[in-house]
All heavy atoms as atom14 arrays in JSON, in Angstrom:
{
  "sequence": "DLESEWQKEGFCSTLPLIPRSQQFIEDLRSLDVHVLFVTSPPRNNKTW",
  "atom14_mask": [
    [1, 1, 1, 1, 1, 1, 1, 1, 0, 0, 0, 0, 0, 0],
    [1, 1, 1, 1, 1, 1, 1, 1, 0, 0, 0, 0, 0, 0],
    [1, 1, 1, 1, 1, 1, 1, 1, 1, 0, 0, 0, 0, 0],
    [1, 1, 1, 1, 1, 1, 0, 0, 0, 0, 0, 0, 0, 0],
    [1, 1, 1, 1, 1, 1, 1, 1, 1, 0, 0, 0, 0, 0],
    [1, 1, 1, 1, 1, 1, 1, 1, 1, 1, 1, 1, 1, 1],
    [1, 1, 1, 1, 1, 1, 1, 1, 1, 0, 0, 0, 0, 0],
    [1, 1, 1, 1, 1, 1, 1, 1, 1, 0, 0, 0, 0, 0],
    [1, 1, 1, 1, 1, 1, 1, 1, 1, 0, 0, 0, 0, 0],
    [1, 1, 1, 1, 0, 0, 0, 0, 0, 0, 0, 0, 0, 0],
    [1, 1, 1, 1, 1, 1, 1, 1, 1, 1, 1, 0, 0, 0],
    [1, 1, 1, 1, 1, 1, 0, 0, 0, 0, 0, 0, 0, 0],
    [1, 1, 1, 1, 1, 1, 0, 0, 0, 0, 0, 0, 0, 0],
    [1, 1, 1, 1, 1, 1, 1, 0, 0, 0, 0, 0, 0, 0],
    [1, 1, 1, 1, 1, 1, 1, 1, 0, 0, 0, 0, 0, 0],
    [1, 1, 1, 1, 1, 1, 1, 0, 0, 0, 0, 0, 0, 0],
    [1, 1, 1, 1, 1, 1, 1, 1, 0, 0, 0, 0, 0, 0],
    [1, 1, 1, 1, 1, 1, 1, 1, 0, 0, 0, 0, 0, 0],
    [1, 1, 1, 1, 1, 1, 1, 0, 0, 0, 0, 0, 0, 0],
    [1, 1, 1, 1, 1, 1, 1, 1, 1, 1, 1, 0, 0, 0],
    [1, 1, 1, 1, 1, 1, 0, 0, 0, 0, 0, 0, 0, 0],
    [1, 1, 1, 1, 1, 1, 1, 1, 1, 0, 0, 0, 0, 0],
    [1, 1, 1, 1, 1, 1, 1, 1, 1, 0, 0, 0, 0, 0],
    [1, 1, 1, 1, 1, 1, 1, 1, 1, 1, 1, 0, 0, 0],
    [1, 1, 1, 1, 1, 1, 1, 1, 0, 0, 0, 0, 0, 0],
    [1, 1, 1, 1, 1, 1, 1, 1, 1, 0, 0, 0, 0, 0],
    [1, 1, 1, 1, 1, 1, 1, 1, 0, 0, 0, 0, 0, 0],
    [1, 1, 1, 1, 1, 1, 1, 1, 0, 0, 0, 0, 0, 0],
    [1, 1, 1, 1, 1, 1, 1, 1, 1, 1, 1, 0, 0, 0],
    [1, 1, 1, 1, 1, 1, 0, 0, 0, 0, 0, 0, 0, 0],
    [1, 1, 1, 1, 1, 1, 1, 1, 0, 0, 0, 0, 0, 0],
    [1, 1, 1, 1, 1, 1, 1, 1, 0, 0, 0, 0, 0, 0],
    [1, 1, 1, 1, 1, 1, 1, 0, 0, 0, 0, 0, 0, 0],
    [1, 1, 1, 1, 1, 1, 1, 1, 1, 1, 0, 0, 0, 0],
    [1, 1, 1, 1, 1, 1, 1, 0, 0, 0, 0, 0, 0, 0],
    [1, 1, 1, 1, 1, 1, 1, 1, 0, 0, 0, 0, 0, 0],
    [1, 1, 1, 1, 1, 1, 1, 1, 1, 1, 1, 0, 0, 0],
    [1, 1, 1, 1, 1, 1, 1, 0, 0, 0, 0, 0, 0, 0],
    [1, 1, 1, 1, 1, 1, 1, 0, 0, 0, 0, 0, 0, 0],
    [1, 1, 1, 1, 1, 1, 0, 0, 0, 0, 0, 0, 0, 0],
    [1, 1, 1, 1, 1, 1, 1, 0, 0, 0, 0, 0, 0, 0],
    [1, 1, 1, 1, 1, 1, 1, 0, 0, 0, 0, 0, 0, 0],
    [1, 1, 1, 1, 1, 1, 1, 1, 1, 1, 1, 0, 0, 0],
    [1, 1, 1, 1, 1, 1, 1, 1, 0, 0, 0, 0, 0, 0],
    [1, 1, 1, 1, 1, 1, 1, 1, 0, 0, 0, 0, 0, 0],
    [1, 1, 1, 1, 1, 1, 1, 1, 1, 0, 0, 0, 0, 0],
    [1, 1, 1, 1, 1, 1, 1, 0, 0, 0, 0, 0, 0, 0],
    [1, 1, 1, 1, 1, 1, 1, 1, 1, 1, 1, 1, 1, 1]
  ],
  "atom14_positions": [
    [[22.87, -29.75, 36.81], [21.54, -29.45, 37.29], [20.77, -28.69, 36.26], [20.1, -27.72, 36.56], [21.6, -28.6, 38.6], [20.24, -28.56, 39.28], [19.41, -29.53, 39.09], [19.99, -27.67, 40.08], [0.0, 0.0, 0.0], [0.0, 0.0, 0.0], [0.0, 0.0, 0.0], [0.0, 0.0, 0.0], [0.0, 0.0, 0.0], [0.0, 0.0, 0.0]],
    [[20.79, -29.16, 35.01], [20.17, -28.45, 33.97], [18.65, -28.56, 33.98], [17.87, -27.75, 33.51], [20.68, -28.98, 32.57], [21.84, -28.23, 31.98], [22.55, -29.01, 30.88], [21.4, -26.87, 31.48], [0.0, 0.0, 0.0], [0.0, 0.0, 0.0], [0.0, 0.0, 0.0], [0.0, 0.0, 0.0], [0.0, 0.0, 0.0], [0.0, 0.0, 0.0]],
    [[18.1, -29.67, 34.63], [16.7, -29.8, 34.74], [16.13, -28.67, 35.57], [14.98, -28.15, 35.23], [16.29, -31.14, 35.47], [14.86, -31.55, 35.37], [14.38, -31.76, 33.92], [15.22, -32.15, 33.11], [13.18, -31.48, 33.66], [0.0, 0.0, 0.0], [0.0, 0.0, 0.0], [0.0, 0.0, 0.0], [0.0, 0.0, 0.0], [0.0, 0.0, 0.0]],
    [[16.86, -28.09, 36.54], [16.44, -26.96, 37.32], [16.77, -25.72, 36.49], [15.86, -24.78, 36.45], [17.08, -26.96, 38.66], [16.79, -25.73, 39.26], [0.0, 0.0, 0.0], [0.0, 0.0, 0.0], [0.0, 0.0, 0.0], [0.0, 0.0, 0.0], [0.0, 0.0, 0.0], [0.0, 0.0, 0.0], [0.0, 0.0, 0.0], [0.0, 0.0, 0.0]],
    [[17.85, -25.67, 35.94], [18.2, -24.42, 35.23], [17.38, -23.95, 34.07], [17.03, -22.8, 33.93], [19.73, -24.62, 34.69], [20.43, -23.31, 34.18], [20.56, -22.25, 35.29], [20.78, -22.63, 36.47], [20.57, -21.09, 34.96], [0.0, 0.0, 0.0], [0.0, 0.0, 0.0], [0.0, 0.0, 0.0], [0.0, 0.0, 0.0], [0.0, 0.0, 0.0]],
    [[17.03, -24.98, 33.22], [16.22, -24.53, 32.04], [14.71, -24.2, 32.29], [14.01, -23.69, 31.47], [16.32, -25.68, 30.94], [15.4, -26.85, 31.03], [15.32, -27.78, 31.99], [14.32, -27.07, 30.18], [14.41, -28.64, 31.74], [13.72, -28.26, 30.64], [13.79, -26.44, 29.02], [12.61, -28.88, 30.03], [12.67, -27.05, 28.49], [12.12, -28.28, 28.92]],
    [[14.35, -24.42, 33.56], [13.08, -24.09, 33.89], [12.99, -22.8, 34.66], [11.92, -22.36, 35.09], [12.39, -25.23, 34.77], [12.21, -26.45, 33.94], [11.52, -27.56, 34.79], [10.58, -27.32, 35.46], [12.04, -28.78, 34.57], [0.0, 0.0, 0.0], [0.0, 0.0, 0.0], [0.0, 0.0, 0.0], [0.0, 0.0, 0.0], [0.0, 0.0, 0.0]],
    [[14.11, -22.06, 34.8], [14.11, -20.78, 35.5], [13.59, -19.67, 34.59], [13.83, -19.74, 33.35], [15.54, -20.45, 35.88], [16.07, -21.31, 37.06], [17.39, -20.92, 37.45], [18.0, -21.81, 38.58], [19.4, -21.39, 38.94], [0.0, 0.0, 0.0], [0.0, 0.0, 0.0], [0.0, 0.0, 0.0], [0.0, 0.0, 0.0], [0.0, 0.0, 0.0]],
    [[13.02, -18.65, 35.24], [12.65, -17.53, 34.53], [13.85, -16.85, 33.76], [14.93, -16.64, 34.38], [11.99, -16.48, 35.42], [11.44, -15.18, 34.73], [10.81, -14.27, 35.7], [10.52, -14.65, 36.91], [10.45, -13.17, 35.38], [0.0, 0.0, 0.0], [0.0, 0.0, 0.0], [0.0, 0.0, 0.0], [0.0, 0.0, 0.0], [0.0, 0.0, 0.0]],
    [[13.7, -16.55, 32.5], [14.7, -15.86, 31.76], [15.57, -16.8, 30.93], [16.32, -16.25, 30.07], [0.0, 0.0, 0.0], [0.0, 0.0, 0.0], [0.0, 0.0, 0.0], [0.0, 0.0, 0.0], [0.0, 0.0, 0.0], [0.0, 0.0, 0.0], [0.0, 0.0, 0.0], [0.0, 0.0, 0.0], [0.0, 0.0, 0.0], [0.0, 0.0, 0.0]],
    [[15.47, -18.13, 31.15], [16.26, -19.0, 30.41], [16.06, -19.04, 28.95], [16.95, -18.98, 28.08], [16.14, -20.47, 31.01], [17.12, -21.43, 30.32], [18.37, -21.69, 30.7], [16.65, -22.18, 29.2], [19.16, -22.6, 30.17], [17.5, -23.06, 28.58], [18.72, -23.36, 29.12], [0.0, 0.0, 0.0], [0.0, 0.0, 0.0], [0.0, 0.0, 0.0]],
    [[14.66, -19.02, 28.62], [14.38, -19.03, 27.15], [14.74, -17.78, 26.41], [15.16, -17.89, 25.25], [12.83, -19.31, 27.09], [12.2, -19.34, 25.41], [0.0, 0.0, 0.0], [0.0, 0.0, 0.0], [0.0, 0.0, 0.0], [0.0, 0.0, 0.0], [0.0, 0.0, 0.0], [0.0, 0.0, 0.0], [0.0, 0.0, 0.0], [0.0, 0.0, 0.0]],
    [[14.74, -16.68, 27.14], [15.12, -15.46, 26.49], [16.6, -15.4, 26.07], [16.94, -14.61, 25.07], [14.84, -14.31, 27.47], [13.55, -14.2, 27.69], [0.0, 0.0, 0.0], [0.0, 0.0, 0.0], [0.0, 0.0, 0.0], [0.0, 0.0, 0.0], [0.0, 0.0, 0.0], [0.0, 0.0, 0.0], [0.0, 0.0, 0.0], [0.0, 0.0, 0.0]],
    [[17.42, -16.22, 26.59], [18.84, -16.14, 26.43], [19.28, -17.11, 25.38], [20.54, -17.25, 24.92], [19.72, -16.43, 27.7], [19.4, -17.79, 28.11], [19.36, -15.48, 28.79], [0.0, 0.0, 0.0], [0.0, 0.0, 0.0], [0.0, 0.0, 0.0], [0.0, 0.0, 0.0], [0.0, 0.0, 0.0], [0.0, 0.0, 0.0], [0.0, 0.0, 0.0]],
    [[18.42, -17.95, 24.83], [18.75, -18.95, 23.82], [19.31, -18.43, 22.53], [18.69, -17.36, 22.06], [17.59, -19.92, 23.65], [17.13, -20.7, 24.81], [15.84, -21.47, 24.48], [18.25, -21.66, 25.2], [0.0, 0.0, 0.0], [0.0, 0.0, 0.0], [0.0, 0.0, 0.0], [0.0, 0.0, 0.0], [0.0, 0.0, 0.0], [0.0, 0.0, 0.0]],
    [[20.24, -19.0, 21.94], [20.82, -18.43, 20.66], [20.14, -18.94, 19.45], [19.45, -20.01, 19.43], [22.34, -18.92, 20.67], [22.21, -20.24, 21.43], [21.15, -20.07, 22.52], [0.0, 0.0, 0.0], [0.0, 0.0, 0.0], [0.0, 0.0, 0.0], [0.0, 0.0, 0.0], [0.0, 0.0, 0.0], [0.0, 0.0, 0.0], [0.0, 0.0, 0.0]],
    [[20.27, -18.21, 18.35], [19.77, -18.7, 17.06], [20.65, -19.77, 16.59], [21.84, -19.8, 16.77], [19.83, -17.5, 16.06], [18.62, -16.4, 16.27], [19.15, -15.18, 15.46], [17.36, -16.85, 15.73], [0.0, 0.0, 0.0], [0.0, 0.0, 0.0], [0.0, 0.0, 0.0], [0.0, 0.0, 0.0], [0.0, 0.0, 0.0], [0.0, 0.0, 0.0]],
    [[20.13, -20.62, 15.74], [20.94, -21.5, 14.84], [21.34, -20.63, 13.59], [20.48, -19.88, 13.1], [20.13, -22.64, 14.45], [19.91, -23.68, 15.59], [20.7, -23.45, 13.18], [19.13, -25.0, 15.3], [0.0, 0.0, 0.0], [0.0, 0.0, 0.0], [0.0, 0.0, 0.0], [0.0, 0.0, 0.0], [0.0, 0.0, 0.0], [0.0, 0.0, 0.0]],
    [[22.58, -20.69, 13.29], [23.1, -19.88, 12.1], [22.23, -20.05, 10.88], [21.89, -21.12, 10.52], [24.6, -20.39, 11.93], [24.96, -20.85, 13.32], [23.75, -21.49, 13.85], [0.0, 0.0, 0.0], [0.0, 0.0, 0.0], [0.0, 0.0, 0.0], [0.0, 0.0, 0.0], [0.0, 0.0, 0.0], [0.0, 0.0, 0.0], [0.0, 0.0, 0.0]],
    [[21.91, -18.95, 10.25], [21.22, -18.83, 8.98], [19.77, -19.1, 9.13], [19.02, -19.1, 8.17], [21.72, -19.82, 7.91], [23.17, -19.5, 7.42], [23.47, -20.28, 6.09], [22.63, -19.81, 5.01], [21.67, -20.57, 4.43], [21.49, -21.8, 4.9], [20.93, -20.1, 3.42], [0.0, 0.0, 0.0], [0.0, 0.0, 0.0], [0.0, 0.0, 0.0]],
    [[19.3, -19.2, 10.44], [17.85, -19.53, 10.52], [16.94, -18.3, 10.18], [15.81, -18.55, 9.72], [17.52, -19.95, 12.03], [17.95, -18.92, 12.95], [0.0, 0.0, 0.0], [0.0, 0.0, 0.0], [0.0, 0.0, 0.0], [0.0, 0.0, 0.0], [0.0, 0.0, 0.0], [0.0, 0.0, 0.0], [0.0, 0.0, 0.0], [0.0, 0.0, 0.0]],
    [[17.41, -17.11, 10.38], [16.6, -15.95, 10.03], [16.4, -15.83, 8.48], [15.3, -15.6, 7.99], [17.29, -14.69, 10.53], [17.09, -14.59, 12.06], [17.91, -13.34, 12.62], [19.14, -13.29, 12.34], [17.29, -12.49, 13.44], [0.0, 0.0, 0.0], [0.0, 0.0, 0.0], [0.0, 0.0, 0.0], [0.0, 0.0, 0.0], [0.0, 0.0, 0.0]],
    [[17.52, -16.24, 7.81], [17.35, -16.14, 6.32], [16.5, -17.29, 5.87], [15.78, -17.16, 4.86], [18.72, -16.25, 5.7], [18.68, -16.29, 4.14], [18.13, -14.96, 3.65], [18.55, -13.8, 4.02], [17.11, -15.01, 2.71], [0.0, 0.0, 0.0], [0.0, 0.0, 0.0], [0.0, 0.0, 0.0], [0.0, 0.0, 0.0], [0.0, 0.0, 0.0]],
    [[16.53, -18.44, 6.51], [15.71, -19.53, 6.23], [14.23, -19.23, 6.39], [13.46, -19.51, 5.45], [16.02, -20.73, 7.21], [15.1, -21.84, 7.33], [14.77, -22.54, 6.18], [14.46, -22.07, 8.46], [13.76, -23.53, 6.26], [13.52, -23.21, 8.63], [13.08, -23.89, 7.49], [0.0, 0.0, 0.0], [0.0, 0.0, 0.0], [0.0, 0.0, 0.0]],
    [[13.87, -18.56, 7.42], [12.46, -18.13, 7.56], [12.03, -17.12, 6.48], [10.9, -17.25, 5.97], [12.23, -17.58, 8.95], [12.45, -18.69, 10.0], [10.73, -17.04, 9.07], [11.56, -19.87, 9.9], [0.0, 0.0, 0.0], [0.0, 0.0, 0.0], [0.0, 0.0, 0.0], [0.0, 0.0, 0.0], [0.0, 0.0, 0.0], [0.0, 0.0, 0.0]],
    [[12.84, -16.25, 6.15], [12.55, -15.29, 5.12], [12.41, -16.03, 3.76], [11.56, -15.67, 2.9], [13.76, -14.21, 5.01], [13.65, -13.25, 6.09], [12.28, -12.55, 6.28], [11.79, -12.05, 5.21], [11.75, -12.66, 7.37], [0.0, 0.0, 0.0], [0.0, 0.0, 0.0], [0.0, 0.0, 0.0], [0.0, 0.0, 0.0], [0.0, 0.0, 0.0]],
    [[13.24, -17.1, 3.48], [13.19, -17.82, 2.26], [11.79, -18.54, 2.28], [11.12, -18.58, 1.13], [14.32, -18.82, 2.2], [15.6, -18.22, 1.86], [15.63, -16.93, 1.5], [16.65, -18.78, 2.03], [0.0, 0.0, 0.0], [0.0, 0.0, 0.0], [0.0, 0.0, 0.0], [0.0, 0.0, 0.0], [0.0, 0.0, 0.0], [0.0, 0.0, 0.0]],
    [[11.38, -19.05, 3.28], [10.1, -19.7, 3.38], [8.94, -18.79, 3.07], [8.04, -18.94, 2.36], [9.84, -20.46, 4.76], [10.59, -21.7, 5.02], [10.28, -22.12, 6.45], [10.33, -22.82, 4.09], [0.0, 0.0, 0.0], [0.0, 0.0, 0.0], [0.0, 0.0, 0.0], [0.0, 0.0, 0.0], [0.0, 0.0, 0.0], [0.0, 0.0, 0.0]],
    [[9.01, -17.61, 3.78], [7.98, -16.56, 3.5], [7.9, -16.1, 2.07], [6.86, -15.76, 1.59], [8.3, -15.33, 4.46], [7.99, -15.7, 5.91], [8.5, -14.51, 6.86], [8.04, -14.79, 8.28], [8.64, -14.15, 9.33], [9.65, -13.47, 9.04], [8.15, -14.43, 10.52], [0.0, 0.0, 0.0], [0.0, 0.0, 0.0], [0.0, 0.0, 0.0]],
    [[9.11, -16.15, 1.38], [9.16, -15.66, 0.0], [8.38, -16.65, -0.86], [8.1, -16.39, -1.97], [10.63, -15.61, -0.43], [11.17, -16.87, -0.63], [0.0, 0.0, 0.0], [0.0, 0.0, 0.0], [0.0, 0.0, 0.0], [0.0, 0.0, 0.0], [0.0, 0.0, 0.0], [0.0, 0.0, 0.0], [0.0, 0.0, 0.0], [0.0, 0.0, 0.0]],
    [[8.07, -17.84, -0.44], [7.23, -18.82, -1.24], [5.73, -18.46, -1.12], [4.98, -19.23, -1.73], [7.43, -20.24, -0.66], [8.87, -20.76, -0.63], [8.92, -22.19, -0.06], [9.48, -20.7, -2.0], [0.0, 0.0, 0.0], [0.0, 0.0, 0.0], [0.0, 0.0, 0.0], [0.0, 0.0, 0.0], [0.0, 0.0, 0.0], [0.0, 0.0, 0.0]],
    [[5.41, -17.34, -0.5], [4.02, -16.89, -0.41], [3.24, -17.87, 0.42], [2.12, -18.15, 0.01], [3.51, -16.62, -1.77], [2.36, -15.6, -1.83], [2.38, -14.76, -1.01], [1.4, -15.86, -2.57], [0.0, 0.0, 0.0], [0.0, 0.0, 0.0], [0.0, 0.0, 0.0], [0.0, 0.0, 0.0], [0.0, 0.0, 0.0], [0.0, 0.0, 0.0]],
    [[3.7, -18.29, 1.51], [2.95, -19.2, 2.42], [3.03, -18.49, 3.85], [3.96, -17.78, 4.18], [3.55, -20.56, 2.57], [3.32, -21.34, 1.23], [5.0, -20.59, 2.91], [0.0, 0.0, 0.0], [0.0, 0.0, 0.0], [0.0, 0.0, 0.0], [0.0, 0.0, 0.0], [0.0, 0.0, 0.0], [0.0, 0.0, 0.0], [0.0, 0.0, 0.0]],
    [[2.07, -18.76, 4.68], [2.19, -18.38, 6.02], [3.14, -19.28, 6.8], [3.01, -20.53, 6.63], [0.81, -18.48, 6.65], [-0.22, -17.43, 6.23], [-0.01, -16.03, 6.55], [-1.4, -17.53, 5.48], [-0.99, -15.3, 6.02], [-1.8, -16.22, 5.33], [0.0, 0.0, 0.0], [0.0, 0.0, 0.0], [0.0, 0.0, 0.0], [0.0, 0.0, 0.0]],
    [[4.0, -18.74, 7.57], [4.85, -19.46, 8.42], [4.39, -19.34, 9.87], [4.31, -18.28, 10.36], [6.35, -19.03, 8.27], [7.25, -19.78, 9.3], [6.84, -19.17, 6.86], [0.0, 0.0, 0.0], [0.0, 0.0, 0.0], [0.0, 0.0, 0.0], [0.0, 0.0, 0.0], [0.0, 0.0, 0.0], [0.0, 0.0, 0.0], [0.0, 0.0, 0.0]],
    [[4.06, -20.52, 10.46], [3.66, -20.54, 11.87], [4.6, -21.36, 12.68], [5.04, -22.39, 12.24], [2.25, -21.19, 12.04], [1.06, -20.5, 11.31], [-0.23, -21.26, 11.6], [0.92, -19.05, 11.71], [0.0, 0.0, 0.0], [0.0, 0.0, 0.0], [0.0, 0.0, 0.0], [0.0, 0.0, 0.0], [0.0, 0.0, 0.0], [0.0, 0.0, 0.0]],
    [[5.01, -20.76, 13.8], [5.91, -21.5, 14.67], [4.95, -22.35, 15.64], [4.05, -21.88, 16.27], [6.69, -20.59, 15.55], [7.88, -19.83, 14.7], [7.54, -18.68, 14.0], [8.96, -20.51, 14.45], [8.57, -18.1, 13.28], [9.97, -19.96, 13.67], [9.76, -18.68, 13.02], [0.0, 0.0, 0.0], [0.0, 0.0, 0.0], [0.0, 0.0, 0.0]],
    [[5.37, -23.64, 15.79], [4.7, -24.55, 16.63], [5.67, -25.16, 17.6], [6.6, -25.84, 17.15], [4.03, -25.76, 15.79], [3.14, -26.64, 16.73], [3.05, -25.12, 14.69], [0.0, 0.0, 0.0], [0.0, 0.0, 0.0], [0.0, 0.0, 0.0], [0.0, 0.0, 0.0], [0.0, 0.0, 0.0], [0.0, 0.0, 0.0], [0.0, 0.0, 0.0]],
    [[5.56, -24.91, 18.89], [6.43, -25.27, 19.82], [5.81, -25.74, 21.11], [4.65, -25.41, 21.46], [7.31, -24.07, 20.2], [8.32, -24.51, 21.16], [6.52, -22.91, 20.75], [0.0, 0.0, 0.0], [0.0, 0.0, 0.0], [0.0, 0.0, 0.0], [0.0, 0.0, 0.0], [0.0, 0.0, 0.0], [0.0, 0.0, 0.0], [0.0, 0.0, 0.0]],
    [[6.43, -26.71, 21.81], [5.88, -27.29, 22.91], [6.53, -26.72, 24.28], [7.67, -26.84, 24.42], [6.13, -28.82, 22.94], [5.62, -29.51, 24.08], [0.0, 0.0, 0.0], [0.0, 0.0, 0.0], [0.0, 0.0, 0.0], [0.0, 0.0, 0.0], [0.0, 0.0, 0.0], [0.0, 0.0, 0.0], [0.0, 0.0, 0.0], [0.0, 0.0, 0.0]],
    [[5.71, -26.14, 25.08], [6.22, -25.45, 26.26], [6.53, -26.48, 27.37], [5.84, -27.41, 27.51], [5.03, -24.52, 26.73], [3.78, -25.25, 26.24], [4.17, -25.95, 25.0], [0.0, 0.0, 0.0], [0.0, 0.0, 0.0], [0.0, 0.0, 0.0], [0.0, 0.0, 0.0], [0.0, 0.0, 0.0], [0.0, 0.0, 0.0], [0.0, 0.0, 0.0]],
    [[7.51, -26.23, 28.13], [7.79, -27.17, 29.27], [6.73, -27.02, 30.31], [6.15, -25.95, 30.59], [9.19, -26.55, 29.85], [9.33, -25.27, 29.38], [8.57, -25.14, 28.08], [0.0, 0.0, 0.0], [0.0, 0.0, 0.0], [0.0, 0.0, 0.0], [0.0, 0.0, 0.0], [0.0, 0.0, 0.0], [0.0, 0.0, 0.0], [0.0, 0.0, 0.0]],
    [[6.57, -28.08, 31.02], [5.52, -28.18, 32.04], [5.75, -27.23, 33.29], [4.72, -26.65, 33.68], [5.35, -29.61, 32.56], [4.17, -29.76, 33.51], [4.12, -31.31, 33.98], [3.79, -32.11, 32.73], [3.8, -33.47, 32.89], [4.05, -34.09, 34.05], [3.57, -34.11, 31.78], [0.0, 0.0, 0.0], [0.0, 0.0, 0.0], [0.0, 0.0, 0.0]],
    [[6.91, -27.11, 33.69], [7.26, -26.41, 34.96], [7.84, -25.03, 34.81], [8.4, -24.51, 35.74], [8.12, -27.29, 35.78], [7.49, -28.59, 36.12], [6.24, -28.6, 36.48], [8.19, -29.7, 36.16], [0.0, 0.0, 0.0], [0.0, 0.0, 0.0], [0.0, 0.0, 0.0], [0.0, 0.0, 0.0], [0.0, 0.0, 0.0], [0.0, 0.0, 0.0]],
    [[7.73, -24.5, 33.65], [8.28, -23.07, 33.44], [7.15, -22.24, 32.93], [6.76, -22.17, 31.81], [9.39, -23.08, 32.42], [10.11, -21.77, 32.25], [9.54, -20.65, 32.43], [11.43, -21.8, 32.12], [0.0, 0.0, 0.0], [0.0, 0.0, 0.0], [0.0, 0.0, 0.0], [0.0, 0.0, 0.0], [0.0, 0.0, 0.0], [0.0, 0.0, 0.0]],
    [[6.6, -21.45, 33.96], [5.44, -20.69, 33.67], [5.66, -19.47, 32.78], [4.76, -18.93, 32.18], [4.8, -20.19, 35.04], [4.32, -21.37, 35.91], [3.75, -20.84, 37.22], [3.21, -22.03, 38.12], [2.65, -21.5, 39.35], [0.0, 0.0, 0.0], [0.0, 0.0, 0.0], [0.0, 0.0, 0.0], [0.0, 0.0, 0.0], [0.0, 0.0, 0.0]],
    [[6.93, -19.02, 32.68], [7.17, -17.85, 31.89], [7.66, -18.16, 30.48], [7.85, -17.24, 29.74], [8.32, -16.97, 32.59], [9.49, -17.72, 32.68], [7.86, -16.52, 34.02], [0.0, 0.0, 0.0], [0.0, 0.0, 0.0], [0.0, 0.0, 0.0], [0.0, 0.0, 0.0], [0.0, 0.0, 0.0], [0.0, 0.0, 0.0], [0.0, 0.0, 0.0]],
    [[7.86, -19.44, 30.29], [8.41, -19.85, 28.91], [7.48, -19.39, 27.73], [8.13, -18.8, 26.75], [8.5, -21.38, 28.9], [9.27, -21.9, 27.67], [8.75, -22.11, 26.32], [10.67, -22.3, 27.61], [9.72, -22.64, 25.53], [10.82, -22.79, 26.32], [11.69, -22.4, 28.51], [12.11, -23.22, 25.82], [12.9, -22.86, 28.04], [13.16, -23.31, 26.76]]
  ]
}
């Protein structure tokens, strides 16, 4: 019942990082560019 589970309040907050992703973003920033996160919110999760 993941369709219901992932739309619950608090689900997004518990998601884990992909390993090395923080260093990856720092490496991009070191190129002297703005890094913007572009993400698509789910339709039925108002707190996402």
